[in-house]
Amino acid sequence: MTTTITIITANEWPTVLAVFDRCNQSDGIVLPVWLDADPPPTLAAARIGETVVGGAVMYGYFAIEAVIAVDPAWRRRGIGRQLVTQIARWANARNGSWQMIADEAGPAVAPFATALQLRRVLVETLLELDPAQLPPLPPLPATWQTRLAEPGDANAITAIIADAFGDPAAEVAAFVTDRIANPVHRFVIGEVAGTSVAVLRLLRSEQGIMITTFGVRRALQGQGYGRLLLLTTLHHLYEAGYQRIQIEVEERNTPAYRLYRSCGFIPTRWYGVYERAE
């Protein structure tokens, strides 16, 4: 039996998403599928004849981050290996790179990675806010202000992000400009005496709110401004009725993990990122 793997259009997505749902239910996992990601993902279907037996959700174009699933009824037939091989071909054709993302709770993750000589390069911890553990707001300094960003704040946001993460300013500027006018994204700025010192981004989806792009100017890190921005934002979101608020952090980023835990977040999932071993 020959397996064919092709990119599919949005009207075909439900057949592949059904495979992901069956995998989640069979393995007790939650594969990271975000159809409202920005930019939207690309989906591929693996078929034997007319039957969809597996699929892939791919984020990015030149640097692909992919999640794959094989229908439990069709496993141990090399379909997962063929999906990974095809994803690598697409990335190589673009002179790009690729990585695989997997829910670490999946029983097949470790043996599959070993068989394909994939090495885990990092683990992302997904945390979700537990409102019962959200601490009260501390007394706010008289000079402190938190506000939603406007398009005119793009330069200030770019400066904070580039400084906090060490990314090239031109790339950050393009990233911010592309998102600041998009209603799915809202940047929140923390100011001291009118000077922008910290920023985070709210990504809204059907699943709730994801907090990302969270940074503080390097010279001001460790002074509590990040915690102030996060706590004030969380209280505003909770009061506005948002019930599901999430944030991700690399497992090895202990200071950030401790901050999020102290602000009421609890870990729910661990996602491994894999790439081909050299």
C-alpha atoms as a PDB file:
ATOM      1  CA  MET A   1       0.000   0.000   0.000  1.00  0.00           C
ATOM      2  CA  THR A   2       1.382   3.381  -1.040  1.00  0.00           C
ATOM      3  CA  THR A   3       1.177   6.405   1.229  1.00  0.00           C
ATOM      4  CA  THR A   4       0.729   9.805  -0.414  1.00  0.00           C
ATOM      5  CA  ILE A   5       1.344  13.003   1.542  1.00  0.00           C
ATOM      6  CA  THR A   6       0.035  16.316   0.226  1.00  0.00           C
ATOM      7  CA  ILE A   7      -0.723  19.841   1.403  1.00  0.00           C
ATOM      8  CA  ILE A   8      -4.482  20.246   1.782  1.00  0.00           C
ATOM      9  CA  THR A   9      -6.896  23.158   1.553  1.00  0.00           C
ATOM     10  CA  ALA A  10      -8.920  24.466   4.492  1.00  0.00           C
ATOM     11  CA  ASN A  11     -12.084  22.627   3.450  1.00  0.00           C
ATOM     12  CA  GLU A  12     -10.166  19.349   3.867  1.00  0.00           C
ATOM     13  CA  TRP A  13      -8.821  20.186   7.331  1.00  0.00           C
ATOM     14  CA  PRO A  14     -11.611  18.401   9.276  1.00  0.00           C
ATOM     15  CA  THR A  15     -10.481  14.972   8.064  1.00  0.00           C
ATOM     16  CA  VAL A  16      -6.938  15.544   9.377  1.00  0.00           C
ATOM     17  CA  LEU A  17      -8.146  17.199  12.577  1.00  0.00           C
ATOM     18  CA  ALA A  18     -10.295  14.123  13.224  1.00  0.00           C
ATOM     19  CA  VAL A  19      -7.104  12.031  13.179  1.00  0.00           C
ATOM     20  CA  PHE A  20      -5.532  14.381  15.737  1.00  0.00           C
ATOM     21  CA  ASP A  21      -8.624  14.059  17.924  1.00  0.00           C
ATOM     22  CA  ARG A  22      -8.432  10.265  17.804  1.00  0.00           C
ATOM     23  CA  CYS A  23      -4.769  10.378  18.782  1.00  0.00           C
ATOM     24  CA  ASN A  24      -5.501  12.707  21.685  1.00  0.00           C
ATOM     25  CA  GLN A  25      -8.243  10.428  22.971  1.00  0.00           C
ATOM     26  CA  SER A  26      -6.242   7.229  22.450  1.00  0.00           C
ATOM     27  CA  ASP A  27      -3.013   8.473  24.053  1.00  0.00           C
ATOM     28  CA  GLY A  28      -4.396  10.860  26.691  1.00  0.00           C
ATOM     29  CA  ILE A  29      -2.526  13.824  25.201  1.00  0.00           C
ATOM     30  CA  VAL A  30      -3.234  17.276  23.769  1.00  0.00           C
ATOM     31  CA  LEU A  31      -1.383  17.841  20.524  1.00  0.00           C
ATOM     32  CA  PRO A  32      -0.596  21.546  19.998  1.00  0.00           C
ATOM     33  CA  VAL A  33      -2.935  22.487  17.165  1.00  0.00           C
ATOM     34  CA  TRP A  34      -3.659  26.224  16.907  1.00  0.00           C
ATOM     35  CA  LEU A  35      -5.623  26.886  13.742  1.00  0.00           C
ATOM     36  CA  ASP A  36      -5.871  30.598  14.544  1.00  0.00           C
ATOM     37  CA  ALA A  37      -2.095  31.013  14.836  1.00  0.00           C
ATOM     38  CA  ASP A  38      -0.621  34.048  13.117  1.00  0.00           C
ATOM     39  CA  PRO A  39       0.274  33.315  10.373  1.00  0.00           C
ATOM     40  CA  PRO A  40      -2.138  30.376   9.974  1.00  0.00           C
ATOM     41  CA  PRO A  41      -0.632  26.894   9.862  1.00  0.00           C
ATOM     42  CA  THR A  42      -0.338  24.648   6.829  1.00  0.00           C
ATOM     43  CA  LEU A  43      -1.926  21.201   7.034  1.00  0.00           C
ATOM     44  CA  ALA A  44      -0.921  18.052   5.198  1.00  0.00           C
ATOM     45  CA  ALA A  45      -2.739  14.741   4.880  1.00  0.00           C
ATOM     46  CA  ALA A  46      -1.243  11.253   4.620  1.00  0.00           C
ATOM     47  CA  ARG A  47      -3.502   8.964   2.615  1.00  0.00           C
ATOM     48  CA  ILE A  48      -3.580   5.316   1.717  1.00  0.00           C
ATOM     49  CA  GLY A  49      -5.991   5.170  -1.173  1.00  0.00           C
ATOM     50  CA  GLU A  50      -8.845   7.482  -0.219  1.00  0.00           C
ATOM     51  CA  THR A  51      -8.363   6.981   3.544  1.00  0.00           C
ATOM     52  CA  VAL A  52      -6.699   9.715   5.594  1.00  0.00           C
ATOM     53  CA  VAL A  53      -4.385   7.794   7.918  1.00  0.00           C
ATOM     54  CA  GLY A  54      -2.284  10.620   9.305  1.00  0.00           C
ATOM     55  CA  GLY A  55      -1.452  14.271   9.014  1.00  0.00           C
ATOM     56  CA  ALA A  56       0.720  17.192   9.954  1.00  0.00           C
ATOM     57  CA  VAL A  57       0.126  20.713  11.204  1.00  0.00           C
ATOM     58  CA  MET A  58       3.018  22.985  10.246  1.00  0.00           C
ATOM     59  CA  TYR A  59       3.771  26.429  11.640  1.00  0.00           C
ATOM     60  CA  GLY A  60       6.127  28.732   9.776  1.00  0.00           C
ATOM     61  CA  TYR A  61       7.384  28.586   6.200  1.00  0.00           C
ATOM     62  CA  PHE A  62      11.194  28.642   6.182  1.00  0.00           C
ATOM     63  CA  ALA A  63      11.572  27.492   9.795  1.00  0.00           C
ATOM     64  CA  ILE A  64       8.897  24.806  10.083  1.00  0.00           C
ATOM     65  CA  GLU A  65       7.640  23.616  13.458  1.00  0.00           C
ATOM     66  CA  ALA A  66       5.495  20.576  12.809  1.00  0.00           C
ATOM     67  CA  VAL A  67       3.126  18.377  14.787  1.00  0.00           C
ATOM     68  CA  ILE A  68       2.279  14.996  13.308  1.00  0.00           C
ATOM     69  CA  ALA A  69      -0.377  12.395  14.064  1.00  0.00           C
ATOM     70  CA  VAL A  70      -0.996   8.886  12.794  1.00  0.00           C
ATOM     71  CA  ASP A  71      -4.405   7.295  13.228  1.00  0.00           C
ATOM     72  CA  PRO A  72      -4.130   4.671  16.013  1.00  0.00           C
ATOM     73  CA  ALA A  73      -5.600   2.073  13.663  1.00  0.00           C
ATOM     74  CA  TRP A  74      -2.784   2.653  11.146  1.00  0.00           C
ATOM     75  CA  ARG A  75       0.292   2.775  13.351  1.00  0.00           C
ATOM     76  CA  ARG A  76       3.457   0.679  13.011  1.00  0.00           C
ATOM     77  CA  ARG A  77       3.367   0.939   9.230  1.00  0.00           C
ATOM     78  CA  GLY A  78       6.007   3.645   8.771  1.00  0.00           C
ATOM     79  CA  ILE A  79       3.504   6.469   8.205  1.00  0.00           C
ATOM     80  CA  GLY A  80       4.997   8.682  10.910  1.00  0.00           C
ATOM     81  CA  ARG A  81       8.469   8.249   9.449  1.00  0.00           C
ATOM     82  CA  GLN A  82       7.148   9.174   5.993  1.00  0.00           C
ATOM     83  CA  LEU A  83       5.499  12.312   7.376  1.00  0.00           C
ATOM     84  CA  VAL A  84       8.756  13.437   8.987  1.00  0.00           C
ATOM     85  CA  THR A  85      10.700  12.684   5.788  1.00  0.00           C
ATOM     86  CA  GLN A  86       8.265  14.722   3.688  1.00  0.00           C
ATOM     87  CA  ILE A  87       8.343  17.667   6.096  1.00  0.00           C
ATOM     88  CA  ALA A  88      12.147  17.627   5.898  1.00  0.00           C
ATOM     89  CA  ARG A  89      11.944  17.653   2.095  1.00  0.00           C
ATOM     90  CA  TRP A  90       9.629  20.663   2.086  1.00  0.00           C
ATOM     91  CA  ALA A  91      11.940  22.547   4.455  1.00  0.00           C
ATOM     92  CA  ASN A  92      15.050  21.657   2.459  1.00  0.00           C
ATOM     93  CA  ALA A  93      13.381  22.773  -0.779  1.00  0.00           C
ATOM     94  CA  ARG A  94      12.978  26.221   0.818  1.00  0.00           C
ATOM     95  CA  ASN A  95      16.545  26.216   2.174  1.00  0.00           C
ATOM     96  CA  GLY A  96      14.880  26.243   5.563  1.00  0.00           C
ATOM     97  CA  SER A  97      14.873  24.188   8.745  1.00  0.00           C
ATOM     98  CA  TRP A  98      12.397  21.976  10.566  1.00  0.00           C
ATOM     99  CA  GLN A  99      11.579  20.779  14.050  1.00  0.00           C
ATOM    100  CA  MET A 100       8.971  18.425  15.456  1.00  0.00           C
ATOM    101  CA  ILE A 101       6.772  19.241  18.463  1.00  0.00           C
ATOM    102  CA  ALA A 102       5.291  16.495  20.633  1.00  0.00           C
ATOM    103  CA  ASP A 103       3.288  16.202  23.835  1.00  0.00           C
ATOM    104  CA  GLU A 104       5.790  14.566  26.176  1.00  0.00           C
ATOM    105  CA  ALA A 105       2.981  12.550  27.788  1.00  0.00           C
ATOM    106  CA  GLY A 106       2.589  10.568  24.572  1.00  0.00           C
ATOM    107  CA  PRO A 107       3.715   6.937  25.081  1.00  0.00           C
ATOM    108  CA  ALA A 108       5.161   6.706  21.560  1.00  0.00           C
ATOM    109  CA  VAL A 109       7.210   9.917  21.632  1.00  0.00           C
ATOM    110  CA  ALA A 110      10.471   8.541  23.066  1.00  0.00           C
ATOM    111  CA  PRO A 111      10.658   5.341  20.953  1.00  0.00           C
ATOM    112  CA  PHE A 112       9.622   7.252  17.814  1.00  0.00           C
ATOM    113  CA  ALA A 113      12.336   9.878  18.373  1.00  0.00           C
ATOM    114  CA  THR A 114      14.922   7.162  18.973  1.00  0.00           C
ATOM    115  CA  ALA A 115      13.943   5.246  15.835  1.00  0.00           C
ATOM    116  CA  LEU A 116      14.234   8.375  13.684  1.00  0.00           C
ATOM    117  CA  GLN A 117      17.384   9.645  15.432  1.00  0.00           C
ATOM    118  CA  LEU A 118      15.674  12.808  16.609  1.00  0.00           C
ATOM    119  CA  ARG A 119      17.091  14.624  19.609  1.00  0.00           C
ATOM    120  CA  ARG A 120      15.101  16.737  22.002  1.00  0.00           C
ATOM    121  CA  VAL A 121      16.517  20.262  22.052  1.00  0.00           C
ATOM    122  CA  LEU A 122      14.139  21.853  24.545  1.00  0.00           C
ATOM    123  CA  VAL A 123      10.894  21.430  26.442  1.00  0.00           C
ATOM    124  CA  GLU A 124       8.204  24.104  26.556  1.00  0.00           C
ATOM    125  CA  THR A 125       5.972  24.080  29.627  1.00  0.00           C
ATOM    126  CA  LEU A 126       2.399  25.220  29.052  1.00  0.00           C
ATOM    127  CA  LEU A 127       0.869  26.831  32.133  1.00  0.00           C
ATOM    128  CA  GLU A 128      -2.706  27.914  32.762  1.00  0.00           C
ATOM    129  CA  LEU A 129      -3.961  30.469  35.255  1.00  0.00           C
ATOM    130  CA  ASP A 130      -5.728  29.070  38.300  1.00  0.00           C
ATOM    131  CA  PRO A 131      -7.903  31.992  39.475  1.00  0.00           C
ATOM    132  CA  ALA A 132      -7.875  30.597  43.010  1.00  0.00           C
ATOM    133  CA  GLN A 133      -4.094  31.054  43.076  1.00  0.00           C
ATOM    134  CA  LEU A 134      -4.026  34.535  41.527  1.00  0.00           C
ATOM    135  CA  PRO A 135      -2.487  36.769  44.227  1.00  0.00           C
ATOM    136  CA  PRO A 136      -4.028  40.162  45.008  1.00  0.00           C
ATOM    137  CA  LEU A 137      -2.544  43.227  43.395  1.00  0.00           C
ATOM    138  CA  PRO A 138       0.205  44.791  45.510  1.00  0.00           C
ATOM    139  CA  PRO A 139       0.136  48.538  46.202  1.00  0.00           C
ATOM    140  CA  LEU A 140       1.028  50.131  42.864  1.00  0.00           C
ATOM    141  CA  PRO A 141       3.732  52.805  42.702  1.00  0.00           C
ATOM    142  CA  ALA A 142       2.324  56.271  41.980  1.00  0.00           C
ATOM    143  CA  THR A 143       4.429  56.450  38.797  1.00  0.00           C
ATOM    144  CA  TRP A 144       3.292  53.043  37.478  1.00  0.00           C
ATOM    145  CA  GLN A 145       0.801  52.725  34.641  1.00  0.00           C
ATOM    146  CA  THR A 146      -0.423  49.781  32.570  1.00  0.00           C
ATOM    147  CA  ARG A 147      -2.227  50.426  29.291  1.00  0.00           C
ATOM    148  CA  LEU A 148      -3.160  48.864  25.983  1.00  0.00           C
ATOM    149  CA  ALA A 149      -0.816  49.859  23.199  1.00  0.00           C
ATOM    150  CA  GLU A 150      -1.868  51.902  20.193  1.00  0.00           C
ATOM    151  CA  PRO A 151      -0.323  51.850  16.693  1.00  0.00           C
ATOM    152  CA  GLY A 152       1.754  54.891  17.639  1.00  0.00           C
ATOM    153  CA  ASP A 153       3.513  52.801  20.290  1.00  0.00           C
ATOM    154  CA  ALA A 154       5.161  50.510  17.733  1.00  0.00           C
ATOM    155  CA  ASN A 155       8.616  52.071  18.103  1.00  0.00           C
ATOM    156  CA  ALA A 156       8.541  51.898  21.899  1.00  0.00           C
ATOM    157  CA  ILE A 157       7.421  48.251  21.816  1.00  0.00           C
ATOM    158  CA  THR A 158      10.106  47.404  19.275  1.00  0.00           C
ATOM    159  CA  ALA A 159      12.790  48.982  21.461  1.00  0.00           C
ATOM    160  CA  ILE A 160      11.711  47.016  24.558  1.00  0.00           C
ATOM    161  CA  ILE A 161      11.502  43.657  22.773  1.00  0.00           C
ATOM    162  CA  ALA A 162      14.799  44.100  20.911  1.00  0.00           C
ATOM    163  CA  ASP A 163      16.529  45.118  24.149  1.00  0.00           C
ATOM    164  CA  ALA A 164      14.959  42.398  26.308  1.00  0.00           C
ATOM    165  CA  PHE A 165      15.610  39.496  23.932  1.00  0.00           C
ATOM    166  CA  GLY A 166      18.612  40.744  21.963  1.00  0.00           C
ATOM    167  CA  ASP A 167      16.826  40.319  18.632  1.00  0.00           C
ATOM    168  CA  PRO A 168      17.648  42.444  15.549  1.00  0.00           C
ATOM    169  CA  ALA A 169      15.634  45.673  15.714  1.00  0.00           C
ATOM    170  CA  ALA A 170      14.598  45.517  12.048  1.00  0.00           C
ATOM    171  CA  GLU A 171      13.108  42.039  12.464  1.00  0.00           C
ATOM    172  CA  VAL A 172      11.327  43.045  15.673  1.00  0.00           C
ATOM    173  CA  ALA A 173       9.947  46.177  14.006  1.00  0.00           C
ATOM    174  CA  ALA A 174       8.446  44.113  11.186  1.00  0.00           C
ATOM    175  CA  PHE A 175       6.963  41.684  13.716  1.00  0.00           C
ATOM    176  CA  VAL A 176       5.394  44.473  15.787  1.00  0.00           C
ATOM    177  CA  THR A 177       4.102  46.447  12.802  1.00  0.00           C
ATOM    178  CA  ASP A 178       2.433  43.339  11.394  1.00  0.00           C
ATOM    179  CA  ARG A 179       0.599  42.634  14.655  1.00  0.00           C
ATOM    180  CA  ILE A 180      -0.122  45.903  16.389  1.00  0.00           C
ATOM    181  CA  ALA A 181      -3.039  46.714  14.083  1.00  0.00           C
ATOM    182  CA  ASN A 182      -4.388  43.137  14.141  1.00  0.00           C
ATOM    183  CA  PRO A 183      -7.337  42.776  16.561  1.00  0.00           C
ATOM    184  CA  VAL A 184      -6.278  39.226  17.422  1.00  0.00           C
ATOM    185  CA  HIS A 185      -3.176  40.692  19.066  1.00  0.00           C
ATOM    186  CA  ARG A 186      -3.068  43.306  21.800  1.00  0.00           C
ATOM    187  CA  PHE A 187       0.152  44.613  23.275  1.00  0.00           C
ATOM    188  CA  VAL A 188       0.099  45.786  26.879  1.00  0.00           C
ATOM    189  CA  ILE A 189       2.698  48.308  28.015  1.00  0.00           C
ATOM    190  CA  GLY A 190       4.010  48.936  31.513  1.00  0.00           C
ATOM    191  CA  GLU A 191       5.234  52.495  32.123  1.00  0.00           C
ATOM    192  CA  VAL A 192       7.172  54.194  34.893  1.00  0.00           C
ATOM    193  CA  ALA A 193       6.787  57.974  34.985  1.00  0.00           C
ATOM    194  CA  GLY A 194       5.645  57.911  31.367  1.00  0.00           C
ATOM    195  CA  THR A 195       8.573  55.794  30.119  1.00  0.00           C
ATOM    196  CA  SER A 196       7.777  52.394  28.613  1.00  0.00           C
ATOM    197  CA  VAL A 197       9.746  49.721  30.467  1.00  0.00           C
ATOM    198  CA  ALA A 198       7.923  46.426  29.839  1.00  0.00           C
ATOM    199  CA  VAL A 199       5.574  44.845  27.342  1.00  0.00           C
ATOM    200  CA  LEU A 200       3.586  41.675  26.757  1.00  0.00           C
ATOM    201  CA  ARG A 201       1.305  40.491  23.981  1.00  0.00           C
ATOM    202  CA  LEU A 202      -2.173  39.005  24.322  1.00  0.00           C
ATOM    203  CA  LEU A 203      -3.039  36.506  21.596  1.00  0.00           C
ATOM    204  CA  ARG A 204      -6.764  35.882  21.534  1.00  0.00           C
ATOM    205  CA  SER A 205      -8.225  32.637  20.212  1.00  0.00           C
ATOM    206  CA  GLU A 206     -11.236  30.378  20.618  1.00  0.00           C
ATOM    207  CA  GLN A 207      -9.337  28.679  23.446  1.00  0.00           C
ATOM    208  CA  GLY A 208      -8.916  31.929  25.423  1.00  0.00           C
ATOM    209  CA  ILE A 209      -5.875  34.161  25.877  1.00  0.00           C
ATOM    210  CA  MET A 210      -2.218  33.244  25.362  1.00  0.00           C
ATOM    211  CA  ILE A 211       0.312  35.630  26.905  1.00  0.00           C
ATOM    212  CA  THR A 212       3.504  35.883  24.902  1.00  0.00           C
ATOM    213  CA  THR A 213       6.299  38.277  23.831  1.00  0.00           C
ATOM    214  CA  PHE A 214       6.769  39.238  27.495  1.00  0.00           C
ATOM    215  CA  GLY A 215       9.868  41.327  28.161  1.00  0.00           C
ATOM    216  CA  VAL A 216      11.418  44.042  30.332  1.00  0.00           C
ATOM    217  CA  ARG A 217      14.255  46.380  29.394  1.00  0.00           C
ATOM    218  CA  ARG A 218      17.501  44.711  30.419  1.00  0.00           C
ATOM    219  CA  ALA A 219      18.705  47.529  32.652  1.00  0.00           C
ATOM    220  CA  LEU A 220      15.447  47.326  34.635  1.00  0.00           C
ATOM    221  CA  GLN A 221      15.100  43.573  34.942  1.00  0.00           C
ATOM    222  CA  GLY A 222      14.917  42.178  38.460  1.00  0.00           C
ATOM    223  CA  GLN A 223      13.154  45.246  39.854  1.00  0.00           C
ATOM    224  CA  GLY A 224       9.636  43.801  39.817  1.00  0.00           C
ATOM    225  CA  TYR A 225       8.302  45.583  36.735  1.00  0.00           C
ATOM    226  CA  GLY A 226       7.613  42.327  34.900  1.00  0.00           C
ATOM    227  CA  ARG A 227       5.635  40.986  37.844  1.00  0.00           C
ATOM    228  CA  LEU A 228       3.671  44.240  38.099  1.00  0.00           C
ATOM    229  CA  LEU A 229       2.805  44.156  34.397  1.00  0.00           C
ATOM    230  CA  LEU A 230       1.792  40.500  34.500  1.00  0.00           C
ATOM    231  CA  LEU A 231      -0.327  40.789  37.654  1.00  0.00           C
ATOM    232  CA  THR A 232      -2.161  43.932  36.580  1.00  0.00           C
ATOM    233  CA  THR A 233      -2.866  42.360  33.176  1.00  0.00           C
ATOM    234  CA  LEU A 234      -4.126  39.121  34.738  1.00  0.00           C
ATOM    235  CA  HIS A 235      -6.491  40.983  37.051  1.00  0.00           C
ATOM    236  CA  HIS A 236      -7.880  43.027  34.151  1.00  0.00           C
ATOM    237  CA  LEU A 237      -8.400  39.891  32.052  1.00  0.00           C
ATOM    238  CA  TYR A 238     -10.067  37.968  34.848  1.00  0.00           C
ATOM    239  CA  GLU A 239     -12.374  40.886  35.669  1.00  0.00           C
ATOM    240  CA  ALA A 240     -13.249  41.101  31.958  1.00  0.00           C
ATOM    241  CA  GLY A 241     -14.489  37.504  32.080  1.00  0.00           C
ATOM    242  CA  TYR A 242     -11.636  35.574  30.461  1.00  0.00           C
ATOM    243  CA  GLN A 243     -11.579  32.136  32.076  1.00  0.00           C
ATOM    244  CA  ARG A 244      -8.703  30.489  30.223  1.00  0.00           C
ATOM    245  CA  ILE A 245      -5.384  32.332  30.287  1.00  0.00           C
ATOM    246  CA  GLN A 246      -2.196  30.520  29.317  1.00  0.00           C
ATOM    247  CA  ILE A 247       1.516  31.182  29.033  1.00  0.00           C
ATOM    248  CA  GLU A 248       4.491  29.118  27.846  1.00  0.00           C
ATOM    249  CA  VAL A 249       8.045  28.985  29.131  1.00  0.00           C
ATOM    250  CA  GLU A 250      11.135  26.959  28.332  1.00  0.00           C
ATOM    251  CA  GLU A 251      11.690  24.339  31.009  1.00  0.00           C
ATOM    252  CA  ARG A 252      15.227  25.598  31.666  1.00  0.00           C
ATOM    253  CA  ASN A 253      14.092  29.217  32.179  1.00  0.00           C
ATOM    254  CA  THR A 254      13.756  28.814  35.935  1.00  0.00           C
ATOM    255  CA  PRO A 255      13.338  32.527  36.852  1.00  0.00           C
ATOM    256  CA  ALA A 256      10.421  32.957  34.434  1.00  0.00           C
ATOM    257  CA  TYR A 257       8.836  29.690  35.544  1.00  0.00           C
ATOM    258  CA  ARG A 258       8.990  30.779  39.185  1.00  0.00           C
ATOM    259  CA  LEU A 259       7.473  34.147  38.287  1.00  0.00           C
ATOM    260  CA  TYR A 260       4.545  32.545  36.491  1.00  0.00           C
ATOM    261  CA  ARG A 261       3.931  30.072  39.300  1.00  0.00           C
ATOM    262  CA  SER A 262       3.974  32.896  41.850  1.00  0.00           C
ATOM    263  CA  CYS A 263       1.338  34.734  39.799  1.00  0.00           C
ATOM    264  CA  GLY A 264      -1.106  31.831  39.874  1.00  0.00           C
ATOM    265  CA  PHE A 265      -0.178  29.736  36.842  1.00  0.00           C
ATOM    266  CA  ILE A 266      -0.012  25.957  37.100  1.00  0.00           C
ATOM    267  CA  PRO A 267       1.742  23.632  34.609  1.00  0.00           C
ATOM    268  CA  THR A 268      -0.589  21.559  32.455  1.00  0.00           C
ATOM    269  CA  ARG A 269       1.440  20.238  29.510  1.00  0.00           C
ATOM    270  CA  TRP A 270       5.040  19.732  28.471  1.00  0.00           C
ATOM    271  CA  TYR A 271       5.879  19.945  24.777  1.00  0.00           C
ATOM    272  CA  GLY A 272       9.197  18.609  23.514  1.00  0.00           C
ATOM    273  CA  VAL A 273      10.893  20.149  20.488  1.00  0.00           C
ATOM    274  CA  TYR A 274      12.889  17.669  18.410  1.00  0.00           C
ATOM    275  CA  GLU A 275      15.244  17.909  15.472  1.00  0.00           C
ATOM    276  CA  ARG A 276      17.449  15.546  13.519  1.00  0.00           C
ATOM    277  CA  ALA A 277      20.509  14.455  15.527  1.00  0.00           C
ATOM    278  CA  GLU A 278      23.788  15.423  13.879  1.00  0.00           C
END
